[in-house]
Amino acid sequence: MTVTQYLSILFSRPRWRHVLGAALVAHLVVGGFALLRALLAGIDLSLIMDGIQFALIQAALFLLYFSSSRMENVRYSLDTQFYVERYYKEHSRFLAMKREGKGDYGAQIGLEAGDTRRLAGRRDLIVSQSLLEYRPPADATIQDLAFRLEDNWYELPWVVADQALEITLKRFNALEKYDYNGLLMAVTGLERGPEGATLVFEKATYYSYLVTNMLPEVELPGGLTYRDMLEPGPALATLETSQPENHLGLNCLYRTRDGDFIIPRRSQNTNVFKGQLSASVSGASNLHTCRLGRTGTYGPLAWLINETREELPFLFTEEGQPTGDEALEALLGEARFLGITRELRRCGKPEVFFFCPLPLTTGEVRQRLVAHRRARGETVEMSEIRAIDYNENAGFLLVNEAALFEGLGQHIEPGKRRPPLFRKARPEFQHRLRHEGETYVVSEALFVNLVLYQHHRSTG
């Protein structure tokens, strides 16, 4: 590994990145002041050499600072117009919310001709960056979706395997490939049948996902990007022919008996959707979370049980005792199966969505959380309910369903030119939620979950 590669990895760490930023500013101020004083005394050869040296050092610090960025807009585009134009043959599958007059937003599947132009100026339309892959019958439950794991492993496309290690080291702070060797289930196909749908999987590592789904706008030698090589458009490859790793993302909305959604807010320590609101329970198709220990079978119900116990452990606990697997299977087995989508931002990564009404009131949810935290010896602050999984979630909100859809909106951040390449600036489209005087950024996954939930309610 070269020194410059190592420095990019080192300074991508938040603490050292702050140090680098401070050094850049200090060097600019002190060196600029000294250079200005020398200019006033007269120009000579020594001053010219010092000026060139100062400019080179400043440029090196400048380039190092921006090349070590781990911001999401360095890895993939956040511009919805970009996806609408690039994947124009998929307009019939785009998920969106549209408002008629001054009413609330309603779910919309597919874009009309007039919906595809000047999205940044629209206030009546919020377009997602996801496509509908499969819509189940209105009465489908989580048990109408089956998983089948085959005994083979995902292999990186040769062009990615040839270039991926260096870029991954730089972007994700990994010292080597095995820093990201979590075992995942990568989707290889979708089988539709009269008894429901079956997702077919093969085994994969998290590393493969990073280099095929998380870096689509990073350029390869010659100028082409990973997206150009893996998902160039104008149509998206099928799950059976898609080249990226494509492990499954799973999301489920929980709603209390009196109409409040449980909405977590992610921490700032995650690779994606930092600080954004997400579905009540969300996660990846890991081998261990999608397997039910009691039966040894793989499926979305096993995932929902395991993830809920990890992220919201107080939810199904009474008098200090967790609810058993069989009882949870009966309760969560009634979760509605809303659909499967493909997220364009991450090169067509598949996501599946559910909704589950809880037998608990909002007050009972609060009481169980308080009891759980007191049993752990934690201080209870009712001004903000805190989540337990601090690595993923920093807290969560209880938002009434009507208030949630009333508070949804879209915000456009103007594009910012990013050195060193000064490419064409693209705007950043954000889904926003206004709630109790605060404004939150809504993740793509939560927004799509709400679109599919609303569509399910209107058609069911």
Protein backbone atom coordinates (compact mmCIF):
# COMPACT_ATOMS: atom_id res chain seq x y z
CA MET A 1 0.00 0.00 0.00
CA THR A 2 1.34 3.44 -0.93
CA VAL A 3 1.74 6.23 1.62
CA THR A 4 -1.02 8.29 -0.04
CA GLN A 5 -3.46 5.36 0.15
CA TYR A 6 -2.65 4.83 3.82
CA LEU A 7 -3.13 8.54 4.59
CA SER A 8 -6.52 8.55 2.85
CA ILE A 9 -7.60 5.62 5.03
CA LEU A 10 -6.21 7.23 8.20
CA PHE A 11 -7.86 10.60 7.61
CA SER A 12 -11.23 9.08 6.70
CA ARG A 13 -11.63 8.39 10.43
CA PRO A 14 -13.78 11.22 11.87
CA ARG A 15 -11.33 12.25 14.61
CA TRP A 16 -8.30 12.42 12.33
CA ARG A 17 -10.34 14.08 9.61
CA HIS A 18 -11.08 16.95 12.01
CA VAL A 19 -7.34 17.21 12.75
CA LEU A 20 -6.60 17.31 9.01
CA GLY A 21 -9.22 20.03 8.49
CA ALA A 22 -7.74 22.12 11.28
CA ALA A 23 -4.23 21.68 9.85
CA LEU A 24 -5.44 22.74 6.41
CA VAL A 25 -7.00 25.94 7.77
CA ALA A 26 -4.02 26.70 10.03
CA HIS A 27 -1.55 26.23 7.20
CA LEU A 28 -3.62 28.46 4.92
CA VAL A 29 -3.91 31.27 7.50
CA VAL A 30 -0.36 31.22 8.86
CA GLY A 31 1.33 30.53 5.54
CA GLY A 32 -0.83 33.03 3.70
CA PHE A 33 -0.07 35.73 6.26
CA ALA A 34 3.68 35.07 6.07
CA LEU A 35 3.59 35.04 2.27
CA LEU A 36 1.71 38.35 2.20
CA ARG A 37 4.27 40.00 4.51
CA ALA A 38 7.11 38.76 2.32
CA LEU A 39 5.40 40.13 -0.80
CA LEU A 40 5.24 43.59 0.78
CA ALA A 41 9.02 43.46 1.34
CA GLY A 42 9.72 42.72 -2.33
CA ILE A 43 9.77 39.76 -4.71
CA ASP A 44 12.92 37.68 -5.14
CA LEU A 45 13.79 34.11 -6.16
CA SER A 46 13.57 32.83 -2.58
CA LEU A 47 10.06 34.21 -2.23
CA ILE A 48 8.97 32.57 -5.49
CA MET A 49 10.30 29.19 -4.33
CA ASP A 50 8.62 29.59 -0.93
CA GLY A 51 5.35 30.51 -2.67
CA ILE A 52 5.48 27.42 -4.88
CA GLN A 53 6.23 25.23 -1.86
CA PHE A 54 3.33 26.76 0.08
CA ALA A 55 0.93 26.21 -2.85
CA LEU A 56 1.99 22.58 -3.27
CA ILE A 57 1.58 21.77 0.43
CA GLN A 58 -1.78 23.53 0.55
CA ALA A 59 -2.96 21.68 -2.56
CA ALA A 60 -1.81 18.33 -1.09
CA LEU A 61 -3.73 18.94 2.15
CA PHE A 62 -6.74 20.12 0.18
CA LEU A 63 -6.82 17.04 -2.06
CA LEU A 64 -6.19 14.67 0.87
CA TYR A 65 -9.06 16.19 2.83
CA PHE A 66 -11.60 15.78 0.05
CA SER A 67 -10.34 12.40 -1.21
CA SER A 68 -10.77 10.90 2.28
CA SER A 69 -14.43 11.92 2.54
CA ARG A 70 -16.89 9.18 3.56
CA MET A 71 -20.00 11.20 2.79
CA GLU A 72 -22.76 9.35 0.95
CA ASN A 73 -22.75 11.78 -1.98
CA VAL A 74 -19.15 10.75 -2.70
CA ARG A 75 -20.29 7.16 -3.26
CA TYR A 76 -23.60 7.50 -5.11
CA SER A 77 -25.89 10.12 -6.56
CA LEU A 78 -28.65 11.59 -4.39
CA ASP A 79 -30.28 13.27 -7.39
CA THR A 80 -33.67 11.71 -8.19
CA GLN A 81 -33.74 13.39 -11.61
CA PHE A 82 -30.56 11.48 -12.45
CA TYR A 83 -32.30 8.13 -11.90
CA VAL A 84 -35.51 9.15 -13.69
CA GLU A 85 -33.51 10.11 -16.77
CA ARG A 86 -31.00 7.25 -16.69
CA TYR A 87 -33.57 4.48 -16.16
CA TYR A 88 -36.26 5.95 -18.37
CA LYS A 89 -37.55 2.54 -19.48
CA GLU A 90 -38.58 1.88 -15.86
CA HIS A 91 -40.95 4.85 -15.43
CA SER A 92 -43.90 2.51 -14.92
CA ARG A 93 -42.23 1.05 -11.81
CA PHE A 94 -41.09 4.18 -9.95
CA LEU A 95 -42.68 4.61 -6.50
CA ALA A 96 -43.86 8.09 -5.52
CA MET A 97 -46.30 10.15 -3.49
CA LYS A 98 -48.52 12.70 -5.20
CA ARG A 99 -50.79 15.35 -3.72
CA GLU A 100 -53.95 16.62 -5.31
CA GLY A 101 -54.75 20.23 -4.36
CA LYS A 102 -54.07 20.92 -0.68
CA GLY A 103 -54.73 17.38 0.52
CA ASP A 104 -52.29 14.80 1.85
CA TYR A 105 -49.90 12.86 -0.35
CA GLY A 106 -51.24 9.62 -1.83
CA ALA A 107 -49.26 6.59 -3.03
CA GLN A 108 -48.46 6.39 -6.73
CA ILE A 109 -46.91 3.51 -8.66
CA GLY A 110 -45.43 4.62 -11.97
CA LEU A 111 -44.66 8.03 -13.42
CA GLU A 112 -46.65 9.80 -16.08
CA ALA A 113 -44.95 11.80 -18.85
CA GLY A 114 -45.44 15.08 -17.01
CA ASP A 115 -44.01 13.64 -13.78
CA THR A 116 -40.52 13.09 -15.19
CA ARG A 117 -39.53 16.70 -15.86
CA ARG A 118 -38.13 19.31 -13.45
CA LEU A 119 -38.60 17.28 -10.30
CA ALA A 120 -36.66 19.84 -8.25
CA GLY A 121 -39.43 22.39 -8.83
CA ARG A 122 -42.36 20.12 -7.92
CA ARG A 123 -44.11 20.51 -4.58
CA ASP A 124 -47.00 18.15 -5.36
CA LEU A 125 -44.85 15.11 -6.18
CA ILE A 126 -42.19 13.20 -4.22
CA VAL A 127 -40.46 10.56 -6.32
CA SER A 128 -38.45 7.80 -4.66
CA GLN A 129 -35.24 6.31 -5.98
CA SER A 130 -36.76 2.83 -5.97
CA LEU A 131 -38.67 0.62 -8.40
CA LEU A 132 -41.46 -1.84 -7.61
CA GLU A 133 -40.25 -5.39 -8.30
CA TYR A 134 -43.15 -7.45 -6.93
CA ARG A 135 -46.56 -6.55 -5.54
CA PRO A 136 -48.26 -9.36 -3.59
CA PRO A 137 -52.02 -9.82 -3.23
CA ALA A 138 -53.67 -7.39 -0.81
CA ASP A 139 -54.23 -10.09 1.81
CA ALA A 140 -50.68 -11.51 1.73
CA THR A 141 -48.82 -11.95 5.00
CA ILE A 142 -45.14 -12.33 5.82
CA GLN A 143 -45.65 -16.10 5.64
CA ASP A 144 -46.55 -15.85 1.95
CA LEU A 145 -42.91 -15.02 1.20
CA ALA A 146 -40.45 -17.92 1.38
CA PHE A 147 -36.64 -18.01 1.35
CA ARG A 148 -34.54 -20.68 -0.36
CA LEU A 149 -30.79 -20.63 0.28
CA GLU A 150 -28.71 -22.54 -2.25
CA ASP A 151 -25.28 -23.96 -1.48
CA ASN A 152 -23.08 -21.69 -3.60
CA TRP A 153 -21.22 -18.41 -3.21
CA TYR A 154 -21.47 -15.06 -4.98
CA GLU A 155 -18.47 -14.21 -7.15
CA LEU A 156 -17.41 -10.64 -7.93
CA PRO A 157 -17.45 -9.62 -11.60
CA TRP A 158 -13.88 -9.62 -12.91
CA VAL A 159 -13.75 -5.86 -13.49
CA VAL A 160 -14.75 -5.27 -9.86
CA ALA A 161 -12.42 -7.89 -8.42
CA ASP A 162 -9.54 -6.31 -10.32
CA GLN A 163 -10.09 -2.80 -8.91
CA ALA A 164 -12.24 -3.10 -5.79
CA LEU A 165 -9.72 -3.66 -3.00
CA GLU A 166 -7.90 -0.34 -3.33
CA ILE A 167 -11.13 1.68 -3.56
CA THR A 168 -12.74 -0.16 -0.65
CA LEU A 169 -9.72 0.42 1.54
CA LYS A 170 -9.94 4.12 0.82
CA ARG A 171 -13.69 4.59 1.18
CA PHE A 172 -14.51 2.31 4.09
CA ASN A 173 -11.41 2.33 6.23
CA ALA A 174 -10.84 -1.41 5.94
CA LEU A 175 -7.30 -2.66 6.36
CA GLU A 176 -8.07 -5.67 4.22
CA LYS A 177 -10.97 -7.53 2.65
CA TYR A 178 -11.74 -9.56 5.77
CA ASP A 179 -12.64 -6.48 7.80
CA TYR A 180 -16.06 -6.78 6.14
CA ASN A 181 -16.59 -10.54 6.01
CA GLY A 182 -20.08 -10.76 7.55
CA LEU A 183 -22.08 -13.59 5.95
CA LEU A 184 -25.09 -12.47 3.91
CA MET A 185 -27.75 -13.99 1.69
CA ALA A 186 -27.55 -12.48 -1.81
CA VAL A 187 -30.68 -12.59 -3.97
CA THR A 188 -30.32 -14.51 -7.23
CA GLY A 189 -33.95 -14.77 -8.29
CA LEU A 190 -37.64 -14.41 -7.52
CA GLU A 191 -40.07 -17.24 -8.16
CA ARG A 192 -43.76 -16.37 -8.35
CA GLY A 193 -46.38 -19.02 -7.72
CA PRO A 194 -50.04 -19.50 -6.73
CA GLU A 195 -49.04 -20.06 -3.10
CA GLY A 196 -46.89 -16.92 -2.87
CA ALA A 197 -43.39 -15.83 -3.80
CA THR A 198 -39.99 -17.38 -3.13
CA LEU A 199 -36.74 -15.45 -3.03
CA VAL A 200 -33.72 -17.53 -4.04
CA PHE A 201 -30.36 -16.77 -2.38
CA GLU A 202 -26.70 -17.65 -2.48
CA LYS A 203 -24.09 -16.94 0.19
CA ALA A 204 -22.03 -13.73 0.04
CA THR A 205 -19.84 -11.48 2.18
CA TYR A 206 -20.47 -7.88 3.18
CA TYR A 207 -17.28 -6.93 1.36
CA SER A 208 -18.83 -7.92 -1.98
CA TYR A 209 -21.81 -5.69 -1.23
CA LEU A 210 -19.57 -2.70 -0.49
CA VAL A 211 -17.77 -2.87 -3.81
CA THR A 212 -20.77 -3.60 -6.07
CA ASN A 213 -23.67 -1.74 -4.44
CA MET A 214 -22.11 1.03 -2.36
CA LEU A 215 -19.68 2.68 -4.80
CA PRO A 216 -21.64 3.04 -8.06
CA GLU A 217 -20.42 6.54 -8.95
CA VAL A 218 -16.73 5.85 -8.25
CA GLU A 219 -14.70 5.91 -11.45
CA LEU A 220 -12.65 2.99 -12.71
CA PRO A 221 -9.49 3.49 -14.79
CA GLY A 222 -10.59 4.80 -18.16
CA GLY A 223 -13.41 6.98 -16.82
CA LEU A 224 -16.28 4.50 -16.55
CA THR A 225 -18.05 4.18 -13.20
CA TYR A 226 -19.17 1.03 -11.43
CA ARG A 227 -22.74 1.93 -12.42
CA ASP A 228 -21.69 2.14 -16.08
CA MET A 229 -20.32 -1.39 -15.82
CA LEU A 230 -22.94 -3.05 -13.59
CA GLU A 231 -26.29 -1.27 -14.12
CA PRO A 232 -25.96 1.19 -17.02
CA GLY A 233 -29.69 1.46 -17.83
CA PRO A 234 -32.00 2.45 -19.44
CA ALA A 235 -33.63 -0.66 -17.95
CA LEU A 236 -32.62 -2.40 -14.74
CA ALA A 237 -31.32 -5.97 -14.97
CA THR A 238 -33.55 -8.66 -13.52
CA LEU A 239 -32.67 -10.24 -10.19
CA GLU A 240 -31.61 -13.35 -12.09
CA THR A 241 -29.16 -11.48 -14.36
CA SER A 242 -28.06 -8.61 -12.09
CA GLN A 243 -24.29 -8.46 -11.46
CA PRO A 244 -24.07 -6.65 -8.06
CA GLU A 245 -24.09 -8.68 -4.83
CA ASN A 246 -27.69 -7.66 -4.01
CA HIS A 247 -28.28 -9.00 -0.52
CA LEU A 248 -31.81 -8.36 0.70
CA GLY A 249 -32.80 -5.43 2.90
CA LEU A 250 -35.79 -6.08 5.16
CA ASN A 251 -38.04 -3.41 6.68
CA CYS A 252 -41.14 -3.52 8.85
CA LEU A 253 -43.36 -0.75 10.20
CA TYR A 254 -44.91 -1.27 13.65
CA ARG A 255 -48.06 0.67 14.55
CA THR A 256 -49.57 0.77 18.02
CA ARG A 257 -53.24 0.03 18.67
CA ASP A 258 -54.03 3.73 18.93
CA GLY A 259 -52.34 4.66 15.64
CA ASP A 260 -48.72 5.64 16.39
CA PHE A 261 -45.82 4.41 14.27
CA ILE A 262 -42.55 3.46 15.97
CA ILE A 263 -39.92 5.38 13.95
CA PRO A 264 -36.23 4.94 14.93
CA ARG A 265 -33.59 7.59 14.22
CA ARG A 266 -30.32 6.10 13.06
CA SER A 267 -27.02 7.01 14.67
CA GLN A 268 -24.17 8.86 12.97
CA ASN A 269 -21.97 5.75 13.02
CA THR A 270 -23.62 3.82 10.18
CA ASN A 271 -22.43 3.45 6.58
CA VAL A 272 -25.73 4.68 5.11
CA PHE A 273 -28.61 6.96 6.14
CA LYS A 274 -26.69 8.59 8.99
CA GLY A 275 -29.05 10.30 11.44
CA GLN A 276 -32.10 9.58 9.28
CA LEU A 277 -35.45 8.10 10.27
CA SER A 278 -35.93 4.46 9.33
CA ALA A 279 -38.58 1.76 9.50
CA SER A 280 -39.46 0.40 12.97
CA VAL A 281 -37.23 -2.62 12.37
CA SER A 282 -34.77 -2.89 9.51
CA GLY A 283 -31.75 -4.93 8.62
CA ALA A 284 -29.93 -7.10 6.13
CA SER A 285 -30.43 -10.72 5.18
CA ASN A 286 -27.68 -12.06 7.41
CA LEU A 287 -27.42 -15.82 7.70
CA HIS A 288 -27.94 -15.78 11.46
CA THR A 289 -30.81 -13.25 11.61
CA CYS A 290 -32.84 -14.98 8.88
CA ARG A 291 -32.62 -18.37 10.61
CA LEU A 292 -35.05 -19.38 13.32
CA GLY A 293 -33.17 -21.32 15.98
CA ARG A 294 -36.18 -23.40 17.05
CA THR A 295 -36.75 -24.86 13.59
CA GLY A 296 -33.51 -24.09 11.75
CA THR A 297 -35.44 -22.68 8.78
CA TYR A 298 -34.69 -19.47 6.87
CA GLY A 299 -37.39 -16.91 6.23
CA PRO A 300 -38.56 -13.31 6.72
CA LEU A 301 -40.53 -14.22 9.86
CA ALA A 302 -37.36 -15.52 11.51
CA TRP A 303 -35.65 -12.26 10.54
CA LEU A 304 -38.47 -10.13 12.01
CA ILE A 305 -38.41 -12.04 15.30
CA ASN A 306 -34.62 -11.89 15.66
CA GLU A 307 -34.27 -8.23 14.60
CA THR A 308 -37.09 -7.07 16.89
CA ARG A 309 -35.50 -8.79 19.85
CA GLU A 310 -32.20 -7.09 19.01
CA GLU A 311 -33.41 -3.57 18.19
CA LEU A 312 -36.56 -3.28 20.35
CA PRO A 313 -35.97 -5.87 23.11
CA PHE A 314 -38.51 -4.31 25.47
CA LEU A 315 -41.40 -4.57 23.02
CA PHE A 316 -42.30 -8.21 23.63
CA THR A 317 -41.19 -8.57 27.24
CA GLU A 318 -43.59 -8.86 30.17
CA GLU A 319 -42.47 -8.88 33.79
CA GLY A 320 -38.87 -9.30 32.71
CA GLN A 321 -39.57 -12.44 30.66
CA PRO A 322 -39.28 -12.39 26.85
CA THR A 323 -42.14 -13.71 24.75
CA GLY A 324 -41.41 -17.21 23.42
CA ASP A 325 -40.76 -18.05 19.77
CA GLU A 326 -44.10 -19.76 19.24
CA ALA A 327 -46.08 -16.81 20.60
CA LEU A 328 -44.05 -14.36 18.51
CA GLU A 329 -44.55 -16.50 15.40
CA ALA A 330 -48.31 -16.33 15.92
CA LEU A 331 -48.28 -12.56 16.51
CA LEU A 332 -45.73 -11.43 13.91
CA GLY A 333 -46.90 -14.05 11.42
CA GLU A 334 -49.85 -11.72 10.75
CA ALA A 335 -47.56 -8.94 9.49
CA ARG A 336 -48.69 -7.72 6.08
CA PHE A 337 -46.39 -8.39 3.12
CA LEU A 338 -46.35 -5.09 1.20
CA GLY A 339 -43.93 -5.73 -1.66
CA ILE A 340 -40.39 -6.07 -2.98
CA THR A 341 -38.51 -3.13 -4.54
CA ARG A 342 -35.16 -2.36 -6.16
CA GLU A 343 -33.20 0.65 -4.88
CA LEU A 344 -31.50 2.46 -7.76
CA ARG A 345 -29.17 4.42 -5.49
CA ARG A 346 -27.43 1.19 -4.55
CA CYS A 347 -27.40 -0.35 -8.03
CA GLY A 348 -30.75 -2.12 -7.86
CA LYS A 349 -30.38 -3.59 -4.36
CA PRO A 350 -33.58 -5.52 -3.46
CA GLU A 351 -35.64 -4.52 -0.43
CA VAL A 352 -38.73 -6.18 1.07
CA PHE A 353 -41.34 -4.37 3.17
CA PHE A 354 -43.89 -5.37 5.81
CA PHE A 355 -46.38 -3.75 8.17
CA CYS A 356 -47.43 -5.15 11.54
CA PRO A 357 -50.17 -3.77 13.83
CA LEU A 358 -49.29 -4.22 17.50
CA PRO A 359 -51.73 -5.31 20.21
CA LEU A 360 -50.16 -2.64 22.45
CA THR A 361 -51.18 0.97 22.97
CA THR A 362 -48.63 3.79 22.80
CA GLY A 363 -48.82 4.09 26.58
CA GLU A 364 -48.03 0.40 27.01
CA VAL A 365 -45.03 0.71 24.70
CA ARG A 366 -43.71 3.56 26.86
CA GLN A 367 -44.33 1.60 30.06
CA ARG A 368 -42.46 -1.44 28.77
CA LEU A 369 -39.53 0.71 27.72
CA VAL A 370 -39.36 2.40 31.13
CA ALA A 371 -39.49 -0.97 32.91
CA HIS A 372 -36.79 -2.38 30.63
CA ARG A 373 -34.44 0.55 31.18
CA ARG A 374 -34.94 0.55 34.94
CA ALA A 375 -34.14 -3.18 35.00
CA ARG A 376 -30.86 -2.32 33.24
CA GLY A 377 -30.11 0.40 35.80
CA GLU A 378 -30.45 3.21 33.25
CA THR A 379 -31.81 6.69 33.87
CA VAL A 380 -35.23 7.16 32.29
CA GLU A 381 -35.67 10.39 30.32
CA MET A 382 -39.21 10.66 28.98
CA SER A 383 -38.45 13.76 26.91
CA GLU A 384 -36.99 11.42 24.31
CA ILE A 385 -37.37 7.66 24.06
CA ARG A 386 -34.03 6.02 23.44
CA ALA A 387 -33.45 2.87 21.48
CA ILE A 388 -31.41 0.01 22.87
CA ASP A 389 -29.29 -0.83 19.82
CA TYR A 390 -27.00 2.19 20.10
CA ASN A 391 -24.76 1.07 17.24
CA GLU A 392 -27.59 1.43 14.72
CA ASN A 393 -30.21 3.66 16.33
CA ALA A 394 -29.76 6.80 18.40
CA GLY A 395 -33.40 6.96 19.47
CA PHE A 396 -36.93 6.71 18.14
CA LEU A 397 -40.15 8.66 17.80
CA LEU A 398 -43.77 7.71 18.26
CA VAL A 399 -45.59 9.48 15.43
CA ASN A 400 -49.32 9.40 14.83
CA GLU A 401 -50.20 8.02 11.41
CA ALA A 402 -52.21 11.08 10.33
CA ALA A 403 -49.50 13.48 11.55
CA LEU A 404 -46.83 11.48 9.76
CA PHE A 405 -48.44 11.76 6.33
CA GLU A 406 -49.32 15.42 6.94
CA GLY A 407 -45.72 16.22 7.88
CA LEU A 408 -44.06 14.57 4.87
CA GLY A 409 -42.42 16.76 2.27
CA GLN A 410 -39.44 17.14 -0.02
CA HIS A 411 -36.35 19.30 0.33
CA ILE A 412 -33.75 19.95 -2.37
CA GLU A 413 -30.19 20.74 -1.36
CA PRO A 414 -28.34 22.54 -4.17
CA GLY A 415 -25.45 20.66 -5.69
CA LYS A 416 -22.02 21.44 -4.29
CA ARG A 417 -18.87 21.22 -6.37
CA ARG A 418 -16.44 18.84 -4.76
CA PRO A 419 -12.69 19.08 -5.36
CA PRO A 420 -10.51 17.69 -6.75
CA LEU A 421 -12.42 16.83 -9.93
CA PHE A 422 -15.00 19.67 -9.97
CA ARG A 423 -17.62 17.57 -11.70
CA LYS A 424 -21.03 18.89 -12.59
CA ALA A 425 -22.85 19.63 -9.36
CA ARG A 426 -26.01 17.60 -8.70
CA PRO A 427 -28.75 18.52 -6.23
CA GLU A 428 -29.56 16.28 -3.27
CA PHE A 429 -33.20 15.23 -2.99
CA GLN A 430 -34.30 14.62 0.59
CA HIS A 431 -37.53 13.26 2.02
CA ARG A 432 -38.36 15.30 5.12
CA LEU A 433 -40.73 14.93 8.08
CA ARG A 434 -41.91 17.89 10.16
CA HIS A 435 -42.93 16.69 13.60
CA GLU A 436 -43.51 18.65 16.81
CA GLY A 437 -41.44 21.62 15.69
CA GLU A 438 -38.49 19.53 14.44
CA THR A 439 -37.51 18.51 10.92
CA TYR A 440 -36.07 15.07 10.23
CA VAL A 441 -34.58 13.47 7.11
CA VAL A 442 -36.54 10.36 6.12
CA SER A 443 -34.48 7.49 4.71
CA GLU A 444 -35.27 6.07 1.30
CA ALA A 445 -36.30 2.77 2.88
CA LEU A 446 -38.78 4.38 5.30
CA PHE A 447 -40.25 6.54 2.54
CA VAL A 448 -40.81 3.48 0.32
CA ASN A 449 -42.26 1.56 3.28
CA LEU A 450 -44.79 4.38 3.75
CA VAL A 451 -45.65 4.47 0.04
CA LEU A 452 -46.33 0.72 -0.02
CA TYR A 453 -48.23 0.87 3.28
CA GLN A 454 -50.45 3.66 1.99
CA HIS A 455 -51.03 1.82 -1.29
CA HIS A 456 -51.93 -1.32 0.69
CA ARG A 457 -54.43 0.63 2.78
CA SER A 458 -56.05 2.20 -0.30
CA THR A 459 -56.37 -1.09 -2.19
CA GLY A 460 -57.02 -3.47 0.71
